[in-house]
């Protein structure tokens, strides 16, 4: 097969929509799996996603839509996974066809619920996908800015750097630049952790602690991220590279960040339950916090920011009190 071959976009949210738009700038056609037939019919009629990034128009004649996940998996050579992590396992459980010879590209910024595994590890174990067939796509990148055509950068990771370079060509454009990496696991863990730290930054914003303190939080967050990633998947890496530090920064500061906005509501006095209900889209850091906290029981890495966010989200700890205690650990 001439990789990547036929690509299927698996998911219908904002990030899936942005990535589909990039693919259609470089590929003749794509398959697009969405679970709801009514959403597909609206998409065909409007020529745009009715629910996400609805200002972006598509050439629907070049898209084969399907609500049958097994049909999409059978027809495609490469599956671009873009489901929200809390629902990932539910979607993937519907796959009954053999996909062990497919290429998997994960743009999922989370961990598989209950399994506490990153996507690459889960797909390798669950479906027998060889590691050299598994890729990841990560930021720093917000779907909204990609859709607006603002200059953005993505990192494509794969153990086989040739495959990373080939898939990167499918995303490149005038306003989208790509970087390649072989650090698949590190990229995946960093993508989860930056959402956790973005919630913390939102809480700080909601508490009106100020920019000086926020800068200290983020600088300590990147140290914490480095400690954890280097312990869990040790290998040479530069934590200041854009896929680690850059993604952390944009998620911590941007008004497009769901996790920051979620944390900001909590800092402003919302209960965790009320903030979750208020959010129109999933704040994946809520789930990622619990997953990383449980994973870290095996490694015992010093993670005061993660632990503080976990206490706020899952033990109803007072945000102001937690942030004050967290501040005492900063260097």
C-alpha atoms as a PDB file:
ATOM      1  CA  UNK A   1       0.000   0.000   0.000  1.00  0.00           C
ATOM      2  CA  UNK A   2       1.118   3.521  -0.794  1.00  0.00           C
ATOM      3  CA  UNK A   3       0.700   5.060   2.657  1.00  0.00           C
ATOM      4  CA  UNK A   4      -1.521   6.742   3.705  1.00  0.00           C
ATOM      5  CA  UNK A   5      -3.907   5.527   0.996  1.00  0.00           C
ATOM      6  CA  UNK A   6      -7.585   6.204   1.658  1.00  0.00           C
ATOM      7  CA  UNK A   7      -8.093   8.098   4.911  1.00  0.00           C
ATOM      8  CA  UNK A   8     -11.167   7.845   7.136  1.00  0.00           C
ATOM      9  CA  UNK A   9     -11.855  10.619   9.637  1.00  0.00           C
ATOM     10  CA  UNK A  10     -13.385   8.980  12.700  1.00  0.00           C
ATOM     11  CA  UNK A  11     -15.348  11.580  14.654  1.00  0.00           C
ATOM     12  CA  UNK A  12     -17.530  14.606  14.060  1.00  0.00           C
ATOM     13  CA  UNK A  13     -16.369  17.296  16.496  1.00  0.00           C
ATOM     14  CA  UNK A  14     -14.466  20.535  15.959  1.00  0.00           C
ATOM     15  CA  UNK A  15     -10.998  18.963  15.809  1.00  0.00           C
ATOM     16  CA  UNK A  16     -12.226  16.279  13.380  1.00  0.00           C
ATOM     17  CA  UNK A  17     -13.761  19.023  11.242  1.00  0.00           C
ATOM     18  CA  UNK A  18     -10.555  21.081  11.173  1.00  0.00           C
ATOM     19  CA  UNK A  19      -8.418  18.055  10.291  1.00  0.00           C
ATOM     20  CA  UNK A  20     -10.868  16.957   7.582  1.00  0.00           C
ATOM     21  CA  UNK A  21     -10.570  20.406   6.020  1.00  0.00           C
ATOM     22  CA  UNK A  22      -6.760  20.110   5.975  1.00  0.00           C
ATOM     23  CA  UNK A  23      -6.925  16.641   4.442  1.00  0.00           C
ATOM     24  CA  UNK A  24      -9.212  17.781   1.645  1.00  0.00           C
ATOM     25  CA  UNK A  25      -6.675  20.465   0.737  1.00  0.00           C
ATOM     26  CA  UNK A  26      -4.194  17.692  -0.044  1.00  0.00           C
ATOM     27  CA  UNK A  27      -6.197  14.517  -0.789  1.00  0.00           C
ATOM     28  CA  UNK A  28      -8.671  13.761  -3.569  1.00  0.00           C
ATOM     29  CA  UNK A  29     -11.294  12.411  -1.183  1.00  0.00           C
ATOM     30  CA  UNK A  30     -11.889  11.118   2.341  1.00  0.00           C
ATOM     31  CA  UNK A  31     -14.274   8.838   4.177  1.00  0.00           C
ATOM     32  CA  UNK A  32     -15.921  10.471   7.192  1.00  0.00           C
ATOM     33  CA  UNK A  33     -17.463   8.405   9.975  1.00  0.00           C
ATOM     34  CA  UNK A  34     -20.075  10.129  12.120  1.00  0.00           C
ATOM     35  CA  UNK A  35     -22.315   8.120  14.396  1.00  0.00           C
ATOM     36  CA  UNK A  36     -25.520  10.110  13.747  1.00  0.00           C
ATOM     37  CA  UNK A  37     -27.354   9.837  10.413  1.00  0.00           C
ATOM     38  CA  UNK A  38     -29.287  13.039  11.046  1.00  0.00           C
ATOM     39  CA  UNK A  39     -26.028  14.950  11.488  1.00  0.00           C
ATOM     40  CA  UNK A  40     -24.736  13.492   8.212  1.00  0.00           C
ATOM     41  CA  UNK A  41     -27.901  14.512   6.357  1.00  0.00           C
ATOM     42  CA  UNK A  42     -27.675  18.050   7.720  1.00  0.00           C
ATOM     43  CA  UNK A  43     -24.002  18.182   6.723  1.00  0.00           C
ATOM     44  CA  UNK A  44     -24.819  17.142   3.146  1.00  0.00           C
ATOM     45  CA  UNK A  45     -27.645  19.670   2.891  1.00  0.00           C
ATOM     46  CA  UNK A  46     -25.729  22.599   4.387  1.00  0.00           C
ATOM     47  CA  UNK A  47     -22.294  21.613   2.980  1.00  0.00           C
ATOM     48  CA  UNK A  48     -20.850  22.277   6.410  1.00  0.00           C
ATOM     49  CA  UNK A  49     -20.800  20.659   9.833  1.00  0.00           C
ATOM     50  CA  UNK A  50     -24.055  21.812  11.451  1.00  0.00           C
ATOM     51  CA  UNK A  51     -22.705  21.484  14.995  1.00  0.00           C
ATOM     52  CA  UNK A  52     -18.982  22.387  14.914  1.00  0.00           C
ATOM     53  CA  UNK A  53     -16.999  25.048  13.035  1.00  0.00           C
ATOM     54  CA  UNK A  54     -20.157  25.641  11.026  1.00  0.00           C
ATOM     55  CA  UNK A  55     -18.625  28.549   9.068  1.00  0.00           C
ATOM     56  CA  UNK A  56     -16.284  26.154   7.241  1.00  0.00           C
ATOM     57  CA  UNK A  57     -17.704  25.035   3.890  1.00  0.00           C
ATOM     58  CA  UNK A  58     -16.826  21.621   2.416  1.00  0.00           C
ATOM     59  CA  UNK A  59     -16.803  20.095  -1.050  1.00  0.00           C
ATOM     60  CA  UNK A  60     -19.114  17.266  -0.021  1.00  0.00           C
ATOM     61  CA  UNK A  61     -18.767  15.528  -3.376  1.00  0.00           C
ATOM     62  CA  UNK A  62     -15.291  14.509  -2.210  1.00  0.00           C
ATOM     63  CA  UNK A  63     -16.531  13.079   1.094  1.00  0.00           C
ATOM     64  CA  UNK A  64     -18.060   9.639   1.565  1.00  0.00           C
ATOM     65  CA  UNK A  65     -20.038   9.864   4.787  1.00  0.00           C
ATOM     66  CA  UNK A  66     -20.984   6.800   6.820  1.00  0.00           C
ATOM     67  CA  UNK A  67     -22.523   6.095  10.218  1.00  0.00           C
ATOM     68  CA  UNK A  68     -21.266   2.491   9.994  1.00  0.00           C
ATOM     69  CA  UNK A  69     -17.888   2.328  11.744  1.00  0.00           C
ATOM     70  CA  UNK A  70     -17.117  -1.099  10.292  1.00  0.00           C
ATOM     71  CA  UNK A  71     -17.788   0.082   6.754  1.00  0.00           C
ATOM     72  CA  UNK A  72     -15.420   3.018   7.247  1.00  0.00           C
ATOM     73  CA  UNK A  73     -12.759   0.745   8.760  1.00  0.00           C
ATOM     74  CA  UNK A  74     -13.073  -1.750   5.897  1.00  0.00           C
ATOM     75  CA  UNK A  75     -12.857   0.843   3.126  1.00  0.00           C
ATOM     76  CA  UNK A  76     -10.020   2.953   4.532  1.00  0.00           C
ATOM     77  CA  UNK A  77      -6.299   2.251   4.688  1.00  0.00           C
ATOM     78  CA  UNK A  78      -5.672   4.842   7.410  1.00  0.00           C
ATOM     79  CA  UNK A  79      -7.992   5.627  10.314  1.00  0.00           C
ATOM     80  CA  UNK A  80      -7.680   9.131  11.773  1.00  0.00           C
ATOM     81  CA  UNK A  81      -9.144   8.825  15.275  1.00  0.00           C
ATOM     82  CA  UNK A  82     -10.630  12.096  16.529  1.00  0.00           C
ATOM     83  CA  UNK A  83     -13.208  11.012  19.105  1.00  0.00           C
ATOM     84  CA  UNK A  84     -13.326  12.665  22.545  1.00  0.00           C
ATOM     85  CA  UNK A  85     -11.393  10.429  24.922  1.00  0.00           C
ATOM     86  CA  UNK A  86     -14.315   9.859  27.371  1.00  0.00           C
ATOM     87  CA  UNK A  87     -16.287   8.180  24.541  1.00  0.00           C
ATOM     88  CA  UNK A  88     -13.372   6.610  22.689  1.00  0.00           C
ATOM     89  CA  UNK A  89     -13.715   3.106  24.112  1.00  0.00           C
ATOM     90  CA  UNK A  90     -17.470   3.106  23.456  1.00  0.00           C
ATOM     91  CA  UNK A  91     -16.902   3.931  19.766  1.00  0.00           C
ATOM     92  CA  UNK A  92     -13.994   1.550  19.257  1.00  0.00           C
ATOM     93  CA  UNK A  93     -15.918  -1.333  20.852  1.00  0.00           C
ATOM     94  CA  UNK A  94     -18.195  -1.313  17.778  1.00  0.00           C
ATOM     95  CA  UNK A  95     -15.327  -2.356  15.493  1.00  0.00           C
ATOM     96  CA  UNK A  96     -15.733  -6.022  14.565  1.00  0.00           C
ATOM     97  CA  UNK A  97     -13.672  -6.153  11.356  1.00  0.00           C
ATOM     98  CA  UNK A  98      -9.952  -6.920  11.324  1.00  0.00           C
ATOM     99  CA  UNK A  99      -7.984  -3.655  11.343  1.00  0.00           C
ATOM    100  CA  UNK A 100      -4.605  -5.130  12.269  1.00  0.00           C
ATOM    101  CA  UNK A 101      -3.161  -4.177   8.870  1.00  0.00           C
ATOM    102  CA  UNK A 102      -4.461  -0.598   8.961  1.00  0.00           C
ATOM    103  CA  UNK A 103      -2.563   2.562   9.844  1.00  0.00           C
ATOM    104  CA  UNK A 104      -3.879   4.376  12.907  1.00  0.00           C
ATOM    105  CA  UNK A 105      -3.429   8.117  13.407  1.00  0.00           C
ATOM    106  CA  UNK A 106      -4.547   9.334  16.818  1.00  0.00           C
ATOM    107  CA  UNK A 107      -5.591  12.933  17.295  1.00  0.00           C
ATOM    108  CA  UNK A 108      -7.288  11.973  20.581  1.00  0.00           C
ATOM    109  CA  UNK A 109      -6.041  14.197  23.388  1.00  0.00           C
ATOM    110  CA  UNK A 110      -6.756  11.870  26.223  1.00  0.00           C
ATOM    111  CA  UNK A 111      -6.431   8.443  27.778  1.00  0.00           C
ATOM    112  CA  UNK A 112      -8.709   5.433  27.290  1.00  0.00           C
ATOM    113  CA  UNK A 113     -11.175   5.472  30.210  1.00  0.00           C
ATOM    114  CA  UNK A 114     -10.982   2.586  32.685  1.00  0.00           C
ATOM    115  CA  UNK A 115      -7.925   1.165  30.933  1.00  0.00           C
ATOM    116  CA  UNK A 116      -5.644   4.106  31.832  1.00  0.00           C
ATOM    117  CA  UNK A 117      -3.737   3.549  28.598  1.00  0.00           C
ATOM    118  CA  UNK A 118      -2.687   6.029  25.951  1.00  0.00           C
ATOM    119  CA  UNK A 119      -4.320   5.451  22.566  1.00  0.00           C
ATOM    120  CA  UNK A 120      -1.253   3.940  20.901  1.00  0.00           C
ATOM    121  CA  UNK A 121      -0.825   1.337  23.637  1.00  0.00           C
ATOM    122  CA  UNK A 122      -4.537   0.470  23.610  1.00  0.00           C
ATOM    123  CA  UNK A 123      -4.728   0.083  19.817  1.00  0.00           C
ATOM    124  CA  UNK A 124      -1.606  -2.082  19.758  1.00  0.00           C
ATOM    125  CA  UNK A 125      -2.923  -4.343  22.523  1.00  0.00           C
ATOM    126  CA  UNK A 126      -6.599  -4.420  21.527  1.00  0.00           C
ATOM    127  CA  UNK A 127      -6.293  -4.755  17.748  1.00  0.00           C
ATOM    128  CA  UNK A 128      -2.740  -5.957  17.148  1.00  0.00           C
ATOM    129  CA  UNK A 129      -1.685  -2.813  15.292  1.00  0.00           C
ATOM    130  CA  UNK A 130       2.117  -2.851  14.837  1.00  0.00           C
ATOM    131  CA  UNK A 131       3.857   0.141  16.481  1.00  0.00           C
ATOM    132  CA  UNK A 132       5.246   1.362  13.154  1.00  0.00           C
ATOM    133  CA  UNK A 133       1.634   1.689  11.913  1.00  0.00           C
ATOM    134  CA  UNK A 134       0.591   3.977  14.769  1.00  0.00           C
ATOM    135  CA  UNK A 135       0.925   7.761  14.473  1.00  0.00           C
ATOM    136  CA  UNK A 136      -0.105  10.681  16.644  1.00  0.00           C
ATOM    137  CA  UNK A 137      -1.002  14.267  15.757  1.00  0.00           C
ATOM    138  CA  UNK A 138      -0.666  17.019  18.339  1.00  0.00           C
ATOM    139  CA  UNK A 139      -0.383  20.794  18.720  1.00  0.00           C
ATOM    140  CA  UNK A 140       0.057  23.546  19.594  1.00  0.00           C
ATOM    141  CA  UNK A 141      -3.114  23.995  17.626  1.00  0.00           C
ATOM    142  CA  UNK A 142      -6.714  25.052  18.252  1.00  0.00           C
ATOM    143  CA  UNK A 143      -9.303  23.821  15.763  1.00  0.00           C
ATOM    144  CA  UNK A 144     -10.878  27.279  15.593  1.00  0.00           C
ATOM    145  CA  UNK A 145      -7.667  28.946  14.409  1.00  0.00           C
ATOM    146  CA  UNK A 146      -6.995  26.204  11.863  1.00  0.00           C
ATOM    147  CA  UNK A 147     -10.488  26.793  10.494  1.00  0.00           C
ATOM    148  CA  UNK A 148      -9.810  30.541  10.312  1.00  0.00           C
ATOM    149  CA  UNK A 149      -6.666  29.903   8.253  1.00  0.00           C
ATOM    150  CA  UNK A 150      -4.305  31.346  10.849  1.00  0.00           C
ATOM    151  CA  UNK A 151      -0.710  30.170  10.743  1.00  0.00           C
ATOM    152  CA  UNK A 152      -0.538  27.005  12.848  1.00  0.00           C
ATOM    153  CA  UNK A 153       1.852  24.149  13.536  1.00  0.00           C
ATOM    154  CA  UNK A 154       1.241  20.448  14.139  1.00  0.00           C
ATOM    155  CA  UNK A 155       3.612  17.667  15.122  1.00  0.00           C
ATOM    156  CA  UNK A 156       3.156  14.237  13.573  1.00  0.00           C
ATOM    157  CA  UNK A 157       4.771  11.440  15.551  1.00  0.00           C
ATOM    158  CA  UNK A 158       5.554   7.847  14.588  1.00  0.00           C
ATOM    159  CA  UNK A 159       8.185   5.244  15.487  1.00  0.00           C
ATOM    160  CA  UNK A 160       8.825   5.070  11.748  1.00  0.00           C
ATOM    161  CA  UNK A 161       9.749   8.642  10.874  1.00  0.00           C
ATOM    162  CA  UNK A 162       9.102   7.978   7.162  1.00  0.00           C
ATOM    163  CA  UNK A 163       5.434   7.356   7.922  1.00  0.00           C
ATOM    164  CA  UNK A 164       5.313  10.561   9.983  1.00  0.00           C
ATOM    165  CA  UNK A 165       6.743  12.507   7.045  1.00  0.00           C
ATOM    166  CA  UNK A 166       4.269  10.952   4.602  1.00  0.00           C
ATOM    167  CA  UNK A 167       1.224  11.755   6.714  1.00  0.00           C
ATOM    168  CA  UNK A 168       2.525  15.263   7.405  1.00  0.00           C
ATOM    169  CA  UNK A 169       2.232  15.927   3.653  1.00  0.00           C
ATOM    170  CA  UNK A 170      -1.513  15.333   3.954  1.00  0.00           C
ATOM    171  CA  UNK A 171      -1.824  18.207   6.442  1.00  0.00           C
ATOM    172  CA  UNK A 172       0.663  20.758   5.131  1.00  0.00           C
ATOM    173  CA  UNK A 173      -0.634  23.955   3.607  1.00  0.00           C
ATOM    174  CA  UNK A 174      -0.044  27.686   3.330  1.00  0.00           C
ATOM    175  CA  UNK A 175      -1.226  28.242   6.896  1.00  0.00           C
ATOM    176  CA  UNK A 176      -0.408  24.834   8.400  1.00  0.00           C
ATOM    177  CA  UNK A 177       3.166  23.699   8.966  1.00  0.00           C
ATOM    178  CA  UNK A 178       4.183  20.303  10.248  1.00  0.00           C
ATOM    179  CA  UNK A 179       7.034  18.958  12.378  1.00  0.00           C
ATOM    180  CA  UNK A 180       7.842  15.258  12.722  1.00  0.00           C
ATOM    181  CA  UNK A 181       8.917  13.289  15.773  1.00  0.00           C
ATOM    182  CA  UNK A 182       9.477   9.685  16.861  1.00  0.00           C
ATOM    183  CA  UNK A 183       8.328  10.324  20.464  1.00  0.00           C
ATOM    184  CA  UNK A 184       4.840   8.810  20.207  1.00  0.00           C
ATOM    185  CA  UNK A 185       4.287   8.053  23.915  1.00  0.00           C
ATOM    186  CA  UNK A 186       5.758  11.331  25.131  1.00  0.00           C
ATOM    187  CA  UNK A 187       3.539  13.319  22.779  1.00  0.00           C
ATOM    188  CA  UNK A 188       0.437  11.450  23.940  1.00  0.00           C
ATOM    189  CA  UNK A 189       1.127  11.907  27.651  1.00  0.00           C
ATOM    190  CA  UNK A 190       1.991  15.578  27.145  1.00  0.00           C
ATOM    191  CA  UNK A 191      -1.311  16.123  25.308  1.00  0.00           C
ATOM    192  CA  UNK A 192      -3.181  14.776  28.336  1.00  0.00           C
ATOM    193  CA  UNK A 193      -1.159  16.680  30.921  1.00  0.00           C
ATOM    194  CA  UNK A 194      -1.456  20.051  29.208  1.00  0.00           C
ATOM    195  CA  UNK A 195      -5.244  19.783  29.610  1.00  0.00           C
ATOM    196  CA  UNK A 196      -4.821  19.191  33.340  1.00  0.00           C
ATOM    197  CA  UNK A 197      -2.553  22.220  33.672  1.00  0.00           C
ATOM    198  CA  UNK A 198      -4.943  24.273  31.562  1.00  0.00           C
ATOM    199  CA  UNK A 199      -7.684  23.603  34.115  1.00  0.00           C
ATOM    200  CA  UNK A 200      -5.288  24.803  36.821  1.00  0.00           C
ATOM    201  CA  UNK A 201      -4.541  27.969  34.841  1.00  0.00           C
ATOM    202  CA  UNK A 202      -8.255  28.572  34.394  1.00  0.00           C
ATOM    203  CA  UNK A 203      -8.826  28.218  38.132  1.00  0.00           C
ATOM    204  CA  UNK A 204      -6.042  30.746  38.756  1.00  0.00           C
ATOM    205  CA  UNK A 205      -7.665  33.093  36.243  1.00  0.00           C
ATOM    206  CA  UNK A 206     -11.076  32.683  37.879  1.00  0.00           C
ATOM    207  CA  UNK A 207      -9.596  33.366  41.305  1.00  0.00           C
ATOM    208  CA  UNK A 208      -8.005  36.547  39.876  1.00  0.00           C
ATOM    209  CA  UNK A 209      -4.550  35.600  41.139  1.00  0.00           C
ATOM    210  CA  UNK A 210      -2.947  37.591  38.339  1.00  0.00           C
ATOM    211  CA  UNK A 211      -0.558  37.079  35.429  1.00  0.00           C
ATOM    212  CA  UNK A 212       2.579  36.936  37.582  1.00  0.00           C
ATOM    213  CA  UNK A 213       1.280  33.934  39.483  1.00  0.00           C
ATOM    214  CA  UNK A 214      -0.040  32.321  36.303  1.00  0.00           C
ATOM    215  CA  UNK A 215       3.440  32.500  34.788  1.00  0.00           C
ATOM    216  CA  UNK A 216       4.812  30.684  37.835  1.00  0.00           C
ATOM    217  CA  UNK A 217       2.123  28.031  37.535  1.00  0.00           C
ATOM    218  CA  UNK A 218       2.880  27.348  33.869  1.00  0.00           C
ATOM    219  CA  UNK A 219       6.660  27.315  34.351  1.00  0.00           C
ATOM    220  CA  UNK A 220       6.260  24.780  37.162  1.00  0.00           C
ATOM    221  CA  UNK A 221       3.757  22.798  35.090  1.00  0.00           C
ATOM    222  CA  UNK A 222       6.317  22.208  32.335  1.00  0.00           C
ATOM    223  CA  UNK A 223       8.795  20.956  34.949  1.00  0.00           C
ATOM    224  CA  UNK A 224       6.132  18.616  36.299  1.00  0.00           C
ATOM    225  CA  UNK A 225       5.289  17.393  32.807  1.00  0.00           C
ATOM    226  CA  UNK A 226       8.958  16.704  32.114  1.00  0.00           C
ATOM    227  CA  UNK A 227       9.371  14.712  35.342  1.00  0.00           C
ATOM    228  CA  UNK A 228       6.381  12.532  34.589  1.00  0.00           C
ATOM    229  CA  UNK A 229       7.037  11.904  30.893  1.00  0.00           C
ATOM    230  CA  UNK A 230      10.729  11.213  31.447  1.00  0.00           C
ATOM    231  CA  UNK A 231       9.826   8.681  34.146  1.00  0.00           C
ATOM    232  CA  UNK A 232       7.022   6.894  32.289  1.00  0.00           C
ATOM    233  CA  UNK A 233       8.663   6.804  28.840  1.00  0.00           C
ATOM    234  CA  UNK A 234      12.338   7.743  29.202  1.00  0.00           C
ATOM    235  CA  UNK A 235      14.132   8.827  26.037  1.00  0.00           C
ATOM    236  CA  UNK A 236      15.938  11.935  24.796  1.00  0.00           C
ATOM    237  CA  UNK A 237      13.526  14.823  24.224  1.00  0.00           C
ATOM    238  CA  UNK A 238      13.490  18.607  24.486  1.00  0.00           C
ATOM    239  CA  UNK A 239      10.559  19.583  26.686  1.00  0.00           C
ATOM    240  CA  UNK A 240      10.678  23.112  25.235  1.00  0.00           C
ATOM    241  CA  UNK A 241       9.720  21.794  21.787  1.00  0.00           C
ATOM    242  CA  UNK A 242       6.400  23.094  20.528  1.00  0.00           C
ATOM    243  CA  UNK A 243       4.555  19.786  20.913  1.00  0.00           C
ATOM    244  CA  UNK A 244       5.209  19.889  24.684  1.00  0.00           C
ATOM    245  CA  UNK A 245       5.729  23.463  25.906  1.00  0.00           C
ATOM    246  CA  UNK A 246       3.972  25.158  22.992  1.00  0.00           C
ATOM    247  CA  UNK A 247       0.860  23.046  23.377  1.00  0.00           C
ATOM    248  CA  UNK A 248       0.861  23.707  27.121  1.00  0.00           C
ATOM    249  CA  UNK A 249       1.103  27.459  26.571  1.00  0.00           C
ATOM    250  CA  UNK A 250      -1.672  27.743  24.002  1.00  0.00           C
ATOM    251  CA  UNK A 251      -4.012  25.570  26.070  1.00  0.00           C
ATOM    252  CA  UNK A 252      -3.261  27.491  29.264  1.00  0.00           C
ATOM    253  CA  UNK A 253      -3.759  30.978  27.834  1.00  0.00           C
ATOM    254  CA  UNK A 254      -6.119  30.812  24.863  1.00  0.00           C
ATOM    255  CA  UNK A 255      -9.767  31.841  24.994  1.00  0.00           C
ATOM    256  CA  UNK A 256     -10.458  28.854  22.717  1.00  0.00           C
ATOM    257  CA  UNK A 257      -9.308  26.417  25.429  1.00  0.00           C
ATOM    258  CA  UNK A 258     -12.247  24.450  26.828  1.00  0.00           C
ATOM    259  CA  UNK A 259     -10.152  23.256  29.752  1.00  0.00           C
ATOM    260  CA  UNK A 260      -9.101  26.794  30.683  1.00  0.00           C
ATOM    261  CA  UNK A 261     -12.711  27.967  30.484  1.00  0.00           C
ATOM    262  CA  UNK A 262     -13.827  25.006  32.595  1.00  0.00           C
ATOM    263  CA  UNK A 263     -11.228  25.831  35.253  1.00  0.00           C
ATOM    264  CA  UNK A 264     -12.118  29.509  35.128  1.00  0.00           C
ATOM    265  CA  UNK A 265     -15.729  28.723  35.997  1.00  0.00           C
ATOM    266  CA  UNK A 266     -14.571  26.691  38.998  1.00  0.00           C
ATOM    267  CA  UNK A 267     -12.308  29.557  40.091  1.00  0.00           C
ATOM    268  CA  UNK A 268     -15.282  31.894  39.756  1.00  0.00           C
ATOM    269  CA  UNK A 269     -17.306  29.818  42.197  1.00  0.00           C
ATOM    270  CA  UNK A 270     -19.078  27.222  40.080  1.00  0.00           C
ATOM    271  CA  UNK A 271     -19.216  23.729  41.524  1.00  0.00           C
ATOM    272  CA  UNK A 272     -17.456  21.104  39.421  1.00  0.00           C
ATOM    273  CA  UNK A 273     -20.828  19.588  38.541  1.00  0.00           C
ATOM    274  CA  UNK A 274     -22.286  22.942  37.502  1.00  0.00           C
ATOM    275  CA  UNK A 275     -19.212  23.811  35.420  1.00  0.00           C
ATOM    276  CA  UNK A 276     -19.411  20.473  33.601  1.00  0.00           C
ATOM    277  CA  UNK A 277     -23.102  21.025  32.862  1.00  0.00           C
ATOM    278  CA  UNK A 278     -22.400  24.553  31.603  1.00  0.00           C
ATOM    279  CA  UNK A 279     -19.744  23.390  29.132  1.00  0.00           C
ATOM    280  CA  UNK A 280     -21.071  22.871  25.610  1.00  0.00           C
ATOM    281  CA  UNK A 281     -18.111  20.659  24.718  1.00  0.00           C
ATOM    282  CA  UNK A 282     -16.073  18.126  26.651  1.00  0.00           C
ATOM    283  CA  UNK A 283     -13.278  19.409  28.890  1.00  0.00           C
ATOM    284  CA  UNK A 284     -11.053  16.365  28.479  1.00  0.00           C
ATOM    285  CA  UNK A 285      -8.746  17.457  31.274  1.00  0.00           C
ATOM    286  CA  UNK A 286     -11.460  16.506  33.774  1.00  0.00           C
ATOM    287  CA  UNK A 287     -11.071  12.849  32.778  1.00  0.00           C
ATOM    288  CA  UNK A 288      -7.337  13.106  32.106  1.00  0.00           C
ATOM    289  CA  UNK A 289      -6.704  14.316  35.652  1.00  0.00           C
ATOM    290  CA  UNK A 290      -8.141  11.135  37.151  1.00  0.00           C
ATOM    291  CA  UNK A 291      -6.371   8.866  34.664  1.00  0.00           C
ATOM    292  CA  UNK A 292      -2.921  10.400  35.187  1.00  0.00           C
ATOM    293  CA  UNK A 293      -3.448  10.473  38.961  1.00  0.00           C
ATOM    294  CA  UNK A 294      -4.165   6.741  38.912  1.00  0.00           C
ATOM    295  CA  UNK A 295      -1.257   5.971  36.569  1.00  0.00           C
ATOM    296  CA  UNK A 296       1.091   7.936  38.825  1.00  0.00           C
ATOM    297  CA  UNK A 297       0.353   5.590  41.710  1.00  0.00           C
ATOM    298  CA  UNK A 298       2.735   3.199  39.947  1.00  0.00           C
ATOM    299  CA  UNK A 299       5.470   5.785  39.416  1.00  0.00           C
ATOM    300  CA  UNK A 300       5.132   8.152  42.391  1.00  0.00           C
ATOM    301  CA  UNK A 301       6.394  11.198  40.494  1.00  0.00           C
ATOM    302  CA  UNK A 302       6.149  14.479  42.448  1.00  0.00           C
ATOM    303  CA  UNK A 303       3.153  16.191  40.828  1.00  0.00           C
ATOM    304  CA  UNK A 304       1.712  18.843  43.163  1.00  0.00           C
ATOM    305  CA  UNK A 305      -0.221  20.620  40.391  1.00  0.00           C
ATOM    306  CA  UNK A 306      -1.869  17.426  39.163  1.00  0.00           C
ATOM    307  CA  UNK A 307      -2.649  16.385  42.743  1.00  0.00           C
ATOM    308  CA  UNK A 308      -4.160  19.773  43.511  1.00  0.00           C
ATOM    309  CA  UNK A 309      -6.398  19.740  40.443  1.00  0.00           C
ATOM    310  CA  UNK A 310      -7.441  16.173  41.291  1.00  0.00           C
ATOM    311  CA  UNK A 311      -8.425  17.211  44.823  1.00  0.00           C
ATOM    312  CA  UNK A 312     -10.508  20.095  43.466  1.00  0.00           C
ATOM    313  CA  UNK A 313     -12.267  18.016  40.799  1.00  0.00           C
ATOM    314  CA  UNK A 314     -12.801  14.772  42.679  1.00  0.00           C
ATOM    315  CA  UNK A 315     -12.648  15.590  46.397  1.00  0.00           C
ATOM    316  CA  UNK A 316     -14.483  18.956  46.363  1.00  0.00           C
ATOM    317  CA  UNK A 317     -11.436  20.714  47.811  1.00  0.00           C
ATOM    318  CA  UNK A 318     -11.638  24.523  47.997  1.00  0.00           C
ATOM    319  CA  UNK A 319      -9.857  25.970  44.936  1.00  0.00           C
ATOM    320  CA  UNK A 320      -8.328  28.959  46.768  1.00  0.00           C
ATOM    321  CA  UNK A 321      -6.940  26.759  49.536  1.00  0.00           C
ATOM    322  CA  UNK A 322      -5.503  24.237  47.059  1.00  0.00           C
ATOM    323  CA  UNK A 323      -3.873  26.929  44.947  1.00  0.00           C
ATOM    324  CA  UNK A 324      -2.246  28.480  48.041  1.00  0.00           C
ATOM    325  CA  UNK A 325      -0.813  25.101  49.029  1.00  0.00           C
ATOM    326  CA  UNK A 326       0.316  24.492  45.466  1.00  0.00           C
ATOM    327  CA  UNK A 327       2.125  27.838  45.444  1.00  0.00           C
ATOM    328  CA  UNK A 328       4.339  26.720  48.326  1.00  0.00           C
ATOM    329  CA  UNK A 329       5.848  24.038  46.064  1.00  0.00           C
ATOM    330  CA  UNK A 330       6.774  26.406  43.217  1.00  0.00           C
ATOM    331  CA  UNK A 331      10.406  27.068  42.356  1.00  0.00           C
END
